[in-house]
Amino acid sequence: MRLTHIPTGIVVQCQNERSQHKNRSSAMRVLKARIFEVEQEKLNAEKKEQEQSKKKIEWGSQIRSYVLQPYRLVKDLRTNHEMGNVDAVLDGDIGSFIEAYLLSTNN
């Protein structure tokens, strides 16, 4: 028995049994397993590509710089957006930084 999966072009041939029905079912199992392996390889390649595109979280890859003395300033190093109201930023008001980043990534 010979089975071909047309979308992927995978061909499976089985002649283990004397019965054509048994050969067909065993060939179908092998074909399903091979299709599953191909799909798993695709998913693994996509995951690997996503992992490589991520930025590394290491020392020195900071996003914002907080200066509290002698002057008060918060600066986003990716967009060069600065804000003098440090207390608001430390309380969670980072909307202007998010907006600046989104505008810089869209351009």
C-alpha atoms as a PDB file:
ATOM      1  CA  MET A   1       0.000   0.000   0.000  1.00  0.00           C
ATOM      2  CA  ARG A   2       1.323   3.422  -0.946  1.00  0.00           C
ATOM      3  CA  LEU A   3      -0.088   6.654   0.497  1.00  0.00           C
ATOM      4  CA  THR A   4       0.835  10.204  -0.507  1.00  0.00           C
ATOM      5  CA  HIS A   5       0.042  13.353   1.456  1.00  0.00           C
ATOM      6  CA  ILE A   6      -0.447  15.867  -1.352  1.00  0.00           C
ATOM      7  CA  PRO A   7       0.076  19.175   0.563  1.00  0.00           C
ATOM      8  CA  THR A   8       3.470  18.114   1.953  1.00  0.00           C
ATOM      9  CA  GLY A   9       4.481  15.539  -0.652  1.00  0.00           C
ATOM     10  CA  ILE A  10       5.218  12.878   1.980  1.00  0.00           C
ATOM     11  CA  VAL A  11       5.025   9.348   0.558  1.00  0.00           C
ATOM     12  CA  VAL A  12       4.626   6.247   2.731  1.00  0.00           C
ATOM     13  CA  GLN A  13       4.746   2.674   1.520  1.00  0.00           C
ATOM     14  CA  CYS A  14       3.834  -0.371   3.599  1.00  0.00           C
ATOM     15  CA  GLN A  15       3.892  -4.084   2.629  1.00  0.00           C
ATOM     16  CA  ASN A  16       4.265  -5.738   6.015  1.00  0.00           C
ATOM     17  CA  GLU A  17       0.974  -7.630   6.105  1.00  0.00           C
ATOM     18  CA  ARG A  18      -0.824  -9.820   3.617  1.00  0.00           C
ATOM     19  CA  SER A  19      -4.043  -7.882   4.022  1.00  0.00           C
ATOM     20  CA  GLN A  20      -4.426  -4.651   2.093  1.00  0.00           C
ATOM     21  CA  HIS A  21      -6.583  -3.166   4.887  1.00  0.00           C
ATOM     22  CA  LYS A  22      -3.922  -3.818   7.519  1.00  0.00           C
ATOM     23  CA  ASN A  23      -1.230  -2.372   5.259  1.00  0.00           C
ATOM     24  CA  ARG A  24      -3.391   0.682   4.655  1.00  0.00           C
ATOM     25  CA  SER A  25      -4.000   1.286   8.373  1.00  0.00           C
ATOM     26  CA  SER A  26      -0.318   0.855   9.264  1.00  0.00           C
ATOM     27  CA  ALA A  27       0.699   3.148   6.382  1.00  0.00           C
ATOM     28  CA  MET A  28      -1.815   5.724   7.610  1.00  0.00           C
ATOM     29  CA  ARG A  29      -0.287   5.586  11.110  1.00  0.00           C
ATOM     30  CA  VAL A  30       3.208   6.107   9.699  1.00  0.00           C
ATOM     31  CA  LEU A  31       1.979   8.953   7.481  1.00  0.00           C
ATOM     32  CA  LYS A  32       0.292  10.677  10.434  1.00  0.00           C
ATOM     33  CA  ALA A  33       3.502  10.338  12.457  1.00  0.00           C
ATOM     34  CA  ARG A  34       5.612  11.863   9.682  1.00  0.00           C
ATOM     35  CA  ILE A  35       3.172  14.754   9.190  1.00  0.00           C
ATOM     36  CA  PHE A  36       3.247  15.357  12.936  1.00  0.00           C
ATOM     37  CA  GLU A  37       7.065  15.434  12.890  1.00  0.00           C
ATOM     38  CA  VAL A  38       7.068  17.967  10.033  1.00  0.00           C
ATOM     39  CA  GLU A  39       4.590  20.201  11.887  1.00  0.00           C
ATOM     40  CA  GLN A  40       6.647  19.954  15.097  1.00  0.00           C
ATOM     41  CA  GLU A  41       9.788  20.988  13.185  1.00  0.00           C
ATOM     42  CA  LYS A  42       7.930  24.012  11.788  1.00  0.00           C
ATOM     43  CA  LEU A  43       6.755  25.016  15.259  1.00  0.00           C
ATOM     44  CA  ASN A  44      10.242  24.576  16.710  1.00  0.00           C
ATOM     45  CA  ALA A  45      11.724  26.710  13.922  1.00  0.00           C
ATOM     46  CA  GLU A  46       9.165  29.461  14.621  1.00  0.00           C
ATOM     47  CA  LYS A  47       9.923  29.349  18.352  1.00  0.00           C
ATOM     48  CA  LYS A  48      13.641  29.513  17.683  1.00  0.00           C
ATOM     49  CA  GLU A  49      13.160  32.494  15.377  1.00  0.00           C
ATOM     50  CA  GLN A  50      11.109  34.283  18.032  1.00  0.00           C
ATOM     51  CA  GLU A  51      13.716  33.556  20.697  1.00  0.00           C
ATOM     52  CA  GLN A  52      16.481  34.945  18.504  1.00  0.00           C
ATOM     53  CA  SER A  53      14.553  38.135  17.804  1.00  0.00           C
ATOM     54  CA  LYS A  54      14.128  38.874  21.508  1.00  0.00           C
ATOM     55  CA  LYS A  55      16.446  41.315  23.157  1.00  0.00           C
ATOM     56  CA  LYS A  56      18.681  39.888  25.829  1.00  0.00           C
ATOM     57  CA  ILE A  57      18.034  41.000  29.361  1.00  0.00           C
ATOM     58  CA  GLU A  58      21.514  41.673  30.608  1.00  0.00           C
ATOM     59  CA  TRP A  59      23.443  44.239  32.521  1.00  0.00           C
ATOM     60  CA  GLY A  60      23.682  47.375  30.426  1.00  0.00           C
ATOM     61  CA  SER A  61      20.567  46.806  28.329  1.00  0.00           C
ATOM     62  CA  GLN A  62      18.475  49.259  30.301  1.00  0.00           C
ATOM     63  CA  ILE A  63      15.410  51.048  29.005  1.00  0.00           C
ATOM     64  CA  ARG A  64      15.160  54.089  31.260  1.00  0.00           C
ATOM     65  CA  SER A  65      17.604  56.091  33.305  1.00  0.00           C
ATOM     66  CA  TYR A  66      16.470  57.598  36.613  1.00  0.00           C
ATOM     67  CA  VAL A  67      18.491  60.540  37.959  1.00  0.00           C
ATOM     68  CA  LEU A  68      17.283  61.694  41.378  1.00  0.00           C
ATOM     69  CA  GLN A  69      20.223  63.855  42.501  1.00  0.00           C
ATOM     70  CA  PRO A  70      21.565  66.555  41.870  1.00  0.00           C
ATOM     71  CA  TYR A  71      18.703  67.180  39.401  1.00  0.00           C
ATOM     72  CA  ARG A  72      15.562  65.112  38.876  1.00  0.00           C
ATOM     73  CA  LEU A  73      15.111  63.494  35.468  1.00  0.00           C
ATOM     74  CA  VAL A  74      13.840  60.291  33.901  1.00  0.00           C
ATOM     75  CA  LYS A  75      15.110  59.559  30.397  1.00  0.00           C
ATOM     76  CA  ASP A  76      14.039  56.781  28.054  1.00  0.00           C
ATOM     77  CA  LEU A  77      17.237  55.647  26.350  1.00  0.00           C
ATOM     78  CA  ARG A  78      15.470  54.033  23.379  1.00  0.00           C
ATOM     79  CA  THR A  79      13.535  57.145  22.342  1.00  0.00           C
ATOM     80  CA  ASN A  80      15.455  59.942  24.133  1.00  0.00           C
ATOM     81  CA  HIS A  81      12.177  61.033  25.730  1.00  0.00           C
ATOM     82  CA  GLU A  82      12.799  62.931  28.963  1.00  0.00           C
ATOM     83  CA  MET A  83      10.481  63.786  31.833  1.00  0.00           C
ATOM     84  CA  GLY A  84      11.268  66.011  34.803  1.00  0.00           C
ATOM     85  CA  ASN A  85       8.373  64.851  37.014  1.00  0.00           C
ATOM     86  CA  VAL A  86      10.179  61.914  38.638  1.00  0.00           C
ATOM     87  CA  ASP A  87       7.576  61.396  41.368  1.00  0.00           C
ATOM     88  CA  ALA A  88       4.826  60.811  38.802  1.00  0.00           C
ATOM     89  CA  VAL A  89       6.965  58.277  36.932  1.00  0.00           C
ATOM     90  CA  LEU A  90       7.827  56.441  40.143  1.00  0.00           C
ATOM     91  CA  ASP A  91       4.096  56.353  40.961  1.00  0.00           C
ATOM     92  CA  GLY A  92       3.449  54.577  37.666  1.00  0.00           C
ATOM     93  CA  ASP A  93       2.651  57.359  35.221  1.00  0.00           C
ATOM     94  CA  ILE A  94       4.694  56.070  32.286  1.00  0.00           C
ATOM     95  CA  GLY A  95       2.123  56.727  29.567  1.00  0.00           C
ATOM     96  CA  SER A  96       4.253  59.350  27.841  1.00  0.00           C
ATOM     97  CA  PHE A  97       7.165  56.884  27.638  1.00  0.00           C
ATOM     98  CA  ILE A  98       4.930  54.196  26.172  1.00  0.00           C
ATOM     99  CA  GLU A  99       3.526  56.656  23.645  1.00  0.00           C
ATOM    100  CA  ALA A 100       7.019  57.819  22.642  1.00  0.00           C
ATOM    101  CA  TYR A 101       8.148  54.209  22.182  1.00  0.00           C
ATOM    102  CA  LEU A 102       5.101  53.320  20.068  1.00  0.00           C
ATOM    103  CA  LEU A 103       5.631  56.373  17.885  1.00  0.00           C
ATOM    104  CA  SER A 104       9.301  55.482  17.411  1.00  0.00           C
ATOM    105  CA  THR A 105       8.547  51.864  16.460  1.00  0.00           C
ATOM    106  CA  ASN A 106       5.860  52.869  13.937  1.00  0.00           C
ATOM    107  CA  ASN A 107       8.240  55.145  12.045  1.00  0.00           C
END
